[in-house]
Amino acid sequence: MKSEKGAAAVEFGIVLPVLVLLIVGIMEFSILFYNQAVITNASREGAREGIVFFHPNPISDAEIEAVVNNYCAGHMITFGAASGATTSVSRAGNGSSGDPLTVLVNYHYDFLVIPNFLSGLTGGIDLTGQTVMRME
């Protein structure tokens, strides 16, 4: 019986780093998936803003990009250096009713803790959200 004294503490010391890594990994991937949803929603918001026809002047690409950037700034979770999302807007046709408008949003997500343990994730992951809607 005396030789088993402190065995629980040793076992806890062995299991604790794995448990902490698992919990932190769940948190980081949850933030990654949340940011993917934010980017997708931001592209939708930009496309919705862009397809509405304001006569005589339709909305410009810069205004659509501003809508996307404002949405991302208000909803995205970042802990490291905020690199910001890049947005590209493309219109097919001359912008008349029924022509498609494409809003593409890219964001590079850098992991904070995981790369210290898994070397395959050191470069981060590129997240992309794209929405295509027809002009009104």
N, C-alpha and C. Protein backbone atom coordinates (compact mmCIF):
# COMPACT_ATOMS: atom_id res chain seq x y z
N MET A 1 0.81 -1.21 0.00
CA MET A 1 0.00 0.00 0.00
C MET A 1 0.85 1.27 0.00
N LYS A 2 1.98 1.25 0.70
CA LYS A 2 2.79 2.45 0.77
C LYS A 2 3.40 2.81 -0.58
N SER A 3 3.64 1.86 -1.43
CA SER A 3 4.28 2.15 -2.72
C SER A 3 3.33 2.83 -3.70
N GLU A 4 2.03 2.80 -3.44
CA GLU A 4 1.05 3.43 -4.33
C GLU A 4 0.73 4.86 -3.93
N LYS A 5 1.37 5.36 -2.91
CA LYS A 5 1.10 6.71 -2.44
C LYS A 5 1.60 7.72 -3.48
N GLY A 6 0.74 8.62 -3.91
CA GLY A 6 1.08 9.62 -4.91
C GLY A 6 0.89 9.17 -6.35
N ALA A 7 0.39 7.97 -6.56
CA ALA A 7 0.20 7.47 -7.92
C ALA A 7 -0.86 8.28 -8.66
N ALA A 8 -1.89 8.71 -7.96
CA ALA A 8 -2.95 9.49 -8.60
C ALA A 8 -2.41 10.84 -9.09
N ALA A 9 -1.51 11.44 -8.31
CA ALA A 9 -0.92 12.72 -8.72
C ALA A 9 -0.05 12.55 -9.96
N VAL A 10 0.69 11.46 -10.03
CA VAL A 10 1.52 11.19 -11.19
C VAL A 10 0.66 10.94 -12.42
N GLU A 11 -0.39 10.16 -12.27
CA GLU A 11 -1.30 9.90 -13.39
C GLU A 11 -1.97 11.18 -13.87
N PHE A 12 -2.36 12.03 -12.92
CA PHE A 12 -2.98 13.30 -13.28
C PHE A 12 -1.98 14.18 -14.03
N GLY A 13 -0.74 14.18 -13.61
CA GLY A 13 0.29 14.95 -14.28
C GLY A 13 0.55 14.47 -15.70
N ILE A 14 0.35 13.19 -15.95
CA ILE A 14 0.53 12.66 -17.30
C ILE A 14 -0.67 12.98 -18.18
N VAL A 15 -1.87 12.92 -17.63
CA VAL A 15 -3.10 13.12 -18.40
C VAL A 15 -3.41 14.61 -18.62
N LEU A 16 -3.02 15.47 -17.70
CA LEU A 16 -3.38 16.89 -17.77
C LEU A 16 -2.94 17.59 -19.06
N PRO A 17 -1.70 17.46 -19.52
CA PRO A 17 -1.34 18.15 -20.77
C PRO A 17 -2.18 17.71 -21.98
N VAL A 18 -2.49 16.44 -22.06
CA VAL A 18 -3.32 15.95 -23.16
C VAL A 18 -4.73 16.53 -23.06
N LEU A 19 -5.27 16.58 -21.85
CA LEU A 19 -6.60 17.13 -21.64
C LEU A 19 -6.65 18.62 -21.98
N VAL A 20 -5.65 19.36 -21.56
CA VAL A 20 -5.61 20.80 -21.85
C VAL A 20 -5.47 21.03 -23.36
N LEU A 21 -4.63 20.25 -24.03
CA LEU A 21 -4.48 20.37 -25.48
C LEU A 21 -5.79 20.07 -26.19
N LEU A 22 -6.50 19.08 -25.73
CA LEU A 22 -7.79 18.72 -26.33
C LEU A 22 -8.80 19.86 -26.17
N ILE A 23 -8.87 20.44 -24.99
CA ILE A 23 -9.82 21.53 -24.73
C ILE A 23 -9.45 22.77 -25.55
N VAL A 24 -8.17 23.12 -25.59
CA VAL A 24 -7.74 24.28 -26.37
C VAL A 24 -7.97 24.04 -27.86
N GLY A 25 -7.74 22.82 -28.33
CA GLY A 25 -8.00 22.48 -29.73
C GLY A 25 -9.46 22.63 -30.09
N ILE A 26 -10.34 22.19 -29.20
CA ILE A 26 -11.78 22.35 -29.43
C ILE A 26 -12.13 23.84 -29.52
N MET A 27 -11.55 24.64 -28.63
CA MET A 27 -11.84 26.08 -28.65
C MET A 27 -11.33 26.73 -29.94
N GLU A 28 -10.11 26.39 -30.36
CA GLU A 28 -9.56 27.00 -31.57
C GLU A 28 -10.34 26.60 -32.82
N PHE A 29 -10.71 25.34 -32.94
CA PHE A 29 -11.47 24.92 -34.11
C PHE A 29 -12.89 25.48 -34.07
N SER A 30 -13.44 25.69 -32.89
CA SER A 30 -14.76 26.33 -32.79
C SER A 30 -14.69 27.76 -33.31
N ILE A 31 -13.64 28.48 -32.95
CA ILE A 31 -13.46 29.84 -33.45
C ILE A 31 -13.25 29.84 -34.96
N LEU A 32 -12.50 28.86 -35.46
CA LEU A 32 -12.29 28.73 -36.90
C LEU A 32 -13.61 28.54 -37.64
N PHE A 33 -14.45 27.62 -37.16
CA PHE A 33 -15.73 27.37 -37.82
C PHE A 33 -16.67 28.56 -37.68
N TYR A 34 -16.63 29.25 -36.55
CA TYR A 34 -17.44 30.45 -36.37
C TYR A 34 -17.02 31.53 -37.38
N ASN A 35 -15.70 31.74 -37.51
CA ASN A 35 -15.22 32.74 -38.47
C ASN A 35 -15.57 32.37 -39.90
N GLN A 36 -15.61 31.08 -40.22
CA GLN A 36 -16.04 30.66 -41.56
C GLN A 36 -17.50 31.06 -41.79
N ALA A 37 -18.33 30.89 -40.77
CA ALA A 37 -19.74 31.29 -40.89
C ALA A 37 -19.85 32.81 -41.03
N VAL A 38 -19.03 33.56 -40.31
CA VAL A 38 -19.05 35.02 -40.41
C VAL A 38 -18.66 35.46 -41.81
N ILE A 39 -17.64 34.84 -42.38
CA ILE A 39 -17.19 35.21 -43.73
C ILE A 39 -18.28 34.91 -44.76
N THR A 40 -18.93 33.77 -44.62
CA THR A 40 -20.02 33.42 -45.53
C THR A 40 -21.16 34.42 -45.41
N ASN A 41 -21.53 34.76 -44.18
CA ASN A 41 -22.60 35.74 -43.97
C ASN A 41 -22.20 37.12 -44.48
N ALA A 42 -20.93 37.49 -44.33
CA ALA A 42 -20.47 38.79 -44.83
C ALA A 42 -20.58 38.85 -46.35
N SER A 43 -20.25 37.75 -47.03
CA SER A 43 -20.39 37.76 -48.49
C SER A 43 -21.86 37.86 -48.89
N ARG A 44 -22.74 37.24 -48.13
CA ARG A 44 -24.18 37.36 -48.41
C ARG A 44 -24.67 38.79 -48.20
N GLU A 45 -24.22 39.41 -47.12
CA GLU A 45 -24.64 40.79 -46.86
C GLU A 45 -24.15 41.72 -47.96
N GLY A 46 -22.92 41.53 -48.40
CA GLY A 46 -22.40 42.35 -49.50
C GLY A 46 -23.17 42.13 -50.78
N ALA A 47 -23.50 40.87 -51.08
CA ALA A 47 -24.26 40.58 -52.31
C ALA A 47 -25.67 41.15 -52.22
N ARG A 48 -26.31 41.05 -51.06
CA ARG A 48 -27.66 41.62 -50.89
C ARG A 48 -27.64 43.12 -51.12
N GLU A 49 -26.60 43.76 -50.58
CA GLU A 49 -26.48 45.20 -50.76
C GLU A 49 -26.24 45.55 -52.22
N GLY A 50 -25.48 44.71 -52.92
CA GLY A 50 -25.11 45.01 -54.29
C GLY A 50 -26.18 44.73 -55.33
N ILE A 51 -27.10 43.80 -55.05
CA ILE A 51 -28.09 43.45 -56.08
C ILE A 51 -29.26 44.41 -56.12
N VAL A 52 -29.45 45.17 -55.07
CA VAL A 52 -30.57 46.11 -55.05
C VAL A 52 -30.24 47.26 -55.99
N PHE A 53 -31.13 47.53 -56.91
CA PHE A 53 -30.89 48.55 -57.93
C PHE A 53 -31.40 49.89 -57.42
N PHE A 54 -30.47 50.81 -57.16
CA PHE A 54 -30.83 52.16 -56.76
C PHE A 54 -30.75 53.05 -57.99
N HIS A 55 -31.89 53.41 -58.54
CA HIS A 55 -31.91 54.23 -59.74
C HIS A 55 -31.64 55.67 -59.37
N PRO A 56 -30.81 56.42 -60.01
CA PRO A 56 -30.08 56.15 -61.24
C PRO A 56 -28.69 55.56 -61.01
N ASN A 57 -28.19 55.53 -59.77
CA ASN A 57 -26.82 55.07 -59.55
C ASN A 57 -26.80 53.77 -58.75
N PRO A 58 -26.35 52.66 -59.35
CA PRO A 58 -26.22 51.43 -58.58
C PRO A 58 -25.04 51.54 -57.60
N ILE A 59 -25.03 50.69 -56.62
CA ILE A 59 -23.99 50.72 -55.60
C ILE A 59 -22.65 50.31 -56.22
N SER A 60 -21.57 50.94 -55.77
CA SER A 60 -20.24 50.65 -56.34
C SER A 60 -19.61 49.45 -55.64
N ASP A 61 -18.56 48.92 -56.26
CA ASP A 61 -17.84 47.80 -55.67
C ASP A 61 -17.20 48.18 -54.34
N ALA A 62 -16.71 49.41 -54.24
CA ALA A 62 -16.10 49.88 -53.00
C ALA A 62 -17.11 49.92 -51.86
N GLU A 63 -18.35 50.29 -52.16
CA GLU A 63 -19.39 50.31 -51.13
C GLU A 63 -19.75 48.89 -50.69
N ILE A 64 -19.76 47.94 -51.62
CA ILE A 64 -20.01 46.54 -51.27
C ILE A 64 -18.89 46.02 -50.37
N GLU A 65 -17.65 46.35 -50.73
CA GLU A 65 -16.51 45.93 -49.91
C GLU A 65 -16.58 46.54 -48.52
N ALA A 66 -17.05 47.77 -48.41
CA ALA A 66 -17.19 48.41 -47.10
C ALA A 66 -18.23 47.69 -46.25
N VAL A 67 -19.34 47.26 -46.87
CA VAL A 67 -20.36 46.50 -46.14
C VAL A 67 -19.77 45.20 -45.61
N VAL A 68 -19.02 44.50 -46.44
CA VAL A 68 -18.40 43.24 -46.04
C VAL A 68 -17.39 43.47 -44.92
N ASN A 69 -16.54 44.47 -45.06
CA ASN A 69 -15.52 44.74 -44.04
C ASN A 69 -16.13 45.15 -42.72
N ASN A 70 -17.20 45.94 -42.75
CA ASN A 70 -17.88 46.33 -41.52
C ASN A 70 -18.51 45.12 -40.83
N TYR A 71 -19.10 44.22 -41.62
CA TYR A 71 -19.70 43.02 -41.04
C TYR A 71 -18.63 42.15 -40.40
N CYS A 72 -17.52 41.96 -41.09
CA CYS A 72 -16.44 41.13 -40.55
C CYS A 72 -15.84 41.76 -39.29
N ALA A 73 -15.65 43.07 -39.31
CA ALA A 73 -15.06 43.74 -38.15
C ALA A 73 -15.96 43.64 -36.93
N GLY A 74 -17.26 43.61 -37.13
CA GLY A 74 -18.19 43.55 -36.01
C GLY A 74 -18.46 42.16 -35.48
N HIS A 75 -18.16 41.12 -36.26
CA HIS A 75 -18.54 39.77 -35.85
C HIS A 75 -17.39 38.78 -35.72
N MET A 76 -16.28 39.02 -36.39
CA MET A 76 -15.20 38.03 -36.42
C MET A 76 -14.43 38.01 -35.11
N ILE A 77 -13.98 36.82 -34.71
CA ILE A 77 -13.18 36.65 -33.50
C ILE A 77 -11.72 36.49 -33.92
N THR A 78 -10.86 37.40 -33.44
CA THR A 78 -9.43 37.31 -33.70
C THR A 78 -8.68 37.55 -32.40
N PHE A 79 -7.64 36.77 -32.16
CA PHE A 79 -6.80 36.96 -30.97
C PHE A 79 -5.41 37.43 -31.35
N GLY A 80 -4.91 36.93 -32.45
CA GLY A 80 -3.58 37.31 -32.92
C GLY A 80 -3.66 38.60 -33.71
N ALA A 81 -2.72 38.75 -34.62
CA ALA A 81 -2.72 39.92 -35.49
C ALA A 81 -3.91 39.84 -36.44
N ALA A 82 -4.74 40.86 -36.43
CA ALA A 82 -5.92 40.87 -37.29
C ALA A 82 -5.49 41.21 -38.71
N SER A 83 -5.52 40.23 -39.59
CA SER A 83 -5.07 40.46 -40.97
C SER A 83 -6.18 41.02 -41.84
N GLY A 84 -7.42 40.93 -41.41
CA GLY A 84 -8.52 41.48 -42.18
C GLY A 84 -8.89 40.62 -43.37
N ALA A 85 -10.12 40.71 -43.74
CA ALA A 85 -10.63 39.93 -44.87
C ALA A 85 -10.43 40.72 -46.16
N THR A 86 -10.13 40.02 -47.23
CA THR A 86 -10.04 40.65 -48.55
C THR A 86 -11.29 40.30 -49.34
N THR A 87 -11.82 41.29 -50.03
CA THR A 87 -13.08 41.12 -50.74
C THR A 87 -12.89 41.45 -52.21
N SER A 88 -13.49 40.63 -53.06
CA SER A 88 -13.51 40.95 -54.49
C SER A 88 -14.94 40.84 -54.99
N VAL A 89 -15.32 41.80 -55.82
CA VAL A 89 -16.67 41.86 -56.37
C VAL A 89 -16.56 41.77 -57.88
N SER A 90 -17.35 40.90 -58.48
CA SER A 90 -17.36 40.83 -59.95
C SER A 90 -18.80 40.80 -60.43
N ARG A 91 -19.01 41.52 -61.50
CA ARG A 91 -20.34 41.61 -62.10
C ARG A 91 -20.26 41.08 -63.53
N ALA A 92 -21.21 40.23 -63.88
CA ALA A 92 -21.29 39.74 -65.26
C ALA A 92 -22.34 40.57 -65.98
N GLY A 93 -22.08 40.90 -67.20
CA GLY A 93 -23.03 41.71 -67.95
C GLY A 93 -22.83 43.18 -67.63
N ASN A 94 -23.87 43.96 -67.91
CA ASN A 94 -23.79 45.40 -67.70
C ASN A 94 -24.50 45.86 -66.43
N GLY A 95 -24.86 44.93 -65.57
CA GLY A 95 -25.51 45.28 -64.31
C GLY A 95 -27.00 45.44 -64.41
N SER A 96 -27.59 44.93 -65.48
CA SER A 96 -29.04 45.03 -65.62
C SER A 96 -29.71 43.90 -64.85
N SER A 97 -31.01 43.96 -64.77
CA SER A 97 -31.78 42.98 -64.01
C SER A 97 -31.52 41.56 -64.51
N GLY A 98 -31.22 40.66 -63.58
CA GLY A 98 -30.96 39.26 -63.91
C GLY A 98 -29.50 38.92 -64.06
N ASP A 99 -28.63 39.92 -64.19
CA ASP A 99 -27.19 39.65 -64.30
C ASP A 99 -26.64 39.23 -62.93
N PRO A 100 -25.72 38.26 -62.91
CA PRO A 100 -25.19 37.80 -61.62
C PRO A 100 -24.13 38.75 -61.04
N LEU A 101 -24.14 38.83 -59.73
CA LEU A 101 -23.14 39.57 -58.96
C LEU A 101 -22.47 38.58 -58.03
N THR A 102 -21.15 38.52 -58.04
CA THR A 102 -20.40 37.59 -57.20
C THR A 102 -19.58 38.36 -56.19
N VAL A 103 -19.72 37.98 -54.92
CA VAL A 103 -18.92 38.57 -53.85
C VAL A 103 -18.10 37.45 -53.23
N LEU A 104 -16.77 37.59 -53.27
CA LEU A 104 -15.85 36.59 -52.75
C LEU A 104 -15.06 37.20 -51.61
N VAL A 105 -15.08 36.54 -50.44
CA VAL A 105 -14.38 37.03 -49.26
C VAL A 105 -13.35 35.98 -48.84
N ASN A 106 -12.11 36.41 -48.67
CA ASN A 106 -11.03 35.53 -48.21
C ASN A 106 -10.47 36.04 -46.90
N TYR A 107 -10.11 35.10 -46.02
CA TYR A 107 -9.52 35.46 -44.73
C TYR A 107 -8.52 34.39 -44.34
N HIS A 108 -7.36 34.80 -43.88
CA HIS A 108 -6.34 33.85 -43.44
C HIS A 108 -6.41 33.75 -41.92
N TYR A 109 -6.73 32.55 -41.42
CA TYR A 109 -6.84 32.31 -39.98
C TYR A 109 -5.55 31.67 -39.48
N ASP A 110 -4.92 32.30 -38.50
CA ASP A 110 -3.71 31.76 -37.87
C ASP A 110 -4.08 31.17 -36.52
N PHE A 111 -3.69 29.92 -36.31
CA PHE A 111 -3.91 29.28 -35.02
C PHE A 111 -2.96 29.88 -33.98
N LEU A 112 -3.37 29.85 -32.72
CA LEU A 112 -2.54 30.41 -31.66
C LEU A 112 -1.74 29.34 -30.92
N VAL A 113 -2.39 28.28 -30.48
CA VAL A 113 -1.75 27.28 -29.62
C VAL A 113 -1.42 26.00 -30.38
N ILE A 114 -2.30 25.58 -31.26
CA ILE A 114 -2.16 24.29 -31.94
C ILE A 114 -0.83 24.14 -32.68
N PRO A 115 -0.30 25.16 -33.39
CA PRO A 115 0.96 24.96 -34.12
C PRO A 115 2.14 24.60 -33.23
N ASN A 116 2.06 24.92 -31.94
CA ASN A 116 3.14 24.56 -31.04
C ASN A 116 3.22 23.05 -30.83
N PHE A 117 2.14 22.34 -31.12
CA PHE A 117 2.10 20.90 -30.90
C PHE A 117 1.99 20.12 -32.21
N LEU A 118 1.36 20.70 -33.22
CA LEU A 118 1.18 20.03 -34.51
C LEU A 118 1.83 20.88 -35.60
N SER A 119 2.90 20.42 -36.15
CA SER A 119 3.65 21.23 -37.12
C SER A 119 2.91 21.42 -38.44
N GLY A 120 1.90 20.61 -38.73
CA GLY A 120 1.18 20.73 -39.99
C GLY A 120 0.28 21.94 -40.08
N LEU A 121 0.01 22.61 -38.96
CA LEU A 121 -0.90 23.75 -38.96
C LEU A 121 -0.18 25.07 -38.72
N THR A 122 1.12 25.12 -38.98
CA THR A 122 1.87 26.34 -38.70
C THR A 122 1.51 27.49 -39.63
N GLY A 123 1.11 27.19 -40.86
CA GLY A 123 0.80 28.25 -41.81
C GLY A 123 -0.60 28.80 -41.70
N GLY A 124 -1.44 28.22 -40.86
CA GLY A 124 -2.82 28.67 -40.76
C GLY A 124 -3.67 28.09 -41.87
N ILE A 125 -4.90 28.58 -41.96
CA ILE A 125 -5.86 28.08 -42.94
C ILE A 125 -6.52 29.27 -43.62
N ASP A 126 -6.70 29.17 -44.94
CA ASP A 126 -7.42 30.20 -45.68
C ASP A 126 -8.91 29.86 -45.70
N LEU A 127 -9.72 30.80 -45.24
CA LEU A 127 -11.18 30.64 -45.24
C LEU A 127 -11.76 31.45 -46.40
N THR A 128 -12.75 30.90 -47.06
CA THR A 128 -13.36 31.57 -48.21
C THR A 128 -14.87 31.49 -48.13
N GLY A 129 -15.52 32.60 -48.42
CA GLY A 129 -16.98 32.64 -48.53
C GLY A 129 -17.35 33.31 -49.85
N GLN A 130 -18.23 32.69 -50.60
CA GLN A 130 -18.62 33.24 -51.90
C GLN A 130 -20.13 33.20 -52.03
N THR A 131 -20.68 34.28 -52.55
CA THR A 131 -22.12 34.37 -52.79
C THR A 131 -22.36 34.93 -54.19
N VAL A 132 -23.26 34.29 -54.91
CA VAL A 132 -23.67 34.76 -56.24
C VAL A 132 -25.17 35.03 -56.18
N MET A 133 -25.56 36.26 -56.52
CA MET A 133 -26.98 36.64 -56.56
C MET A 133 -27.25 37.39 -57.86
N ARG A 134 -28.50 37.39 -58.27
CA ARG A 134 -28.89 38.08 -59.51
C ARG A 134 -29.36 39.50 -59.18
N MET A 135 -28.99 40.42 -60.06
CA MET A 135 -29.38 41.82 -59.89
C MET A 135 -30.89 41.95 -60.00
N GLU A 136 -31.43 42.86 -59.21
CA GLU A 136 -32.88 43.10 -59.26
C GLU A 136 -33.22 44.01 -60.42
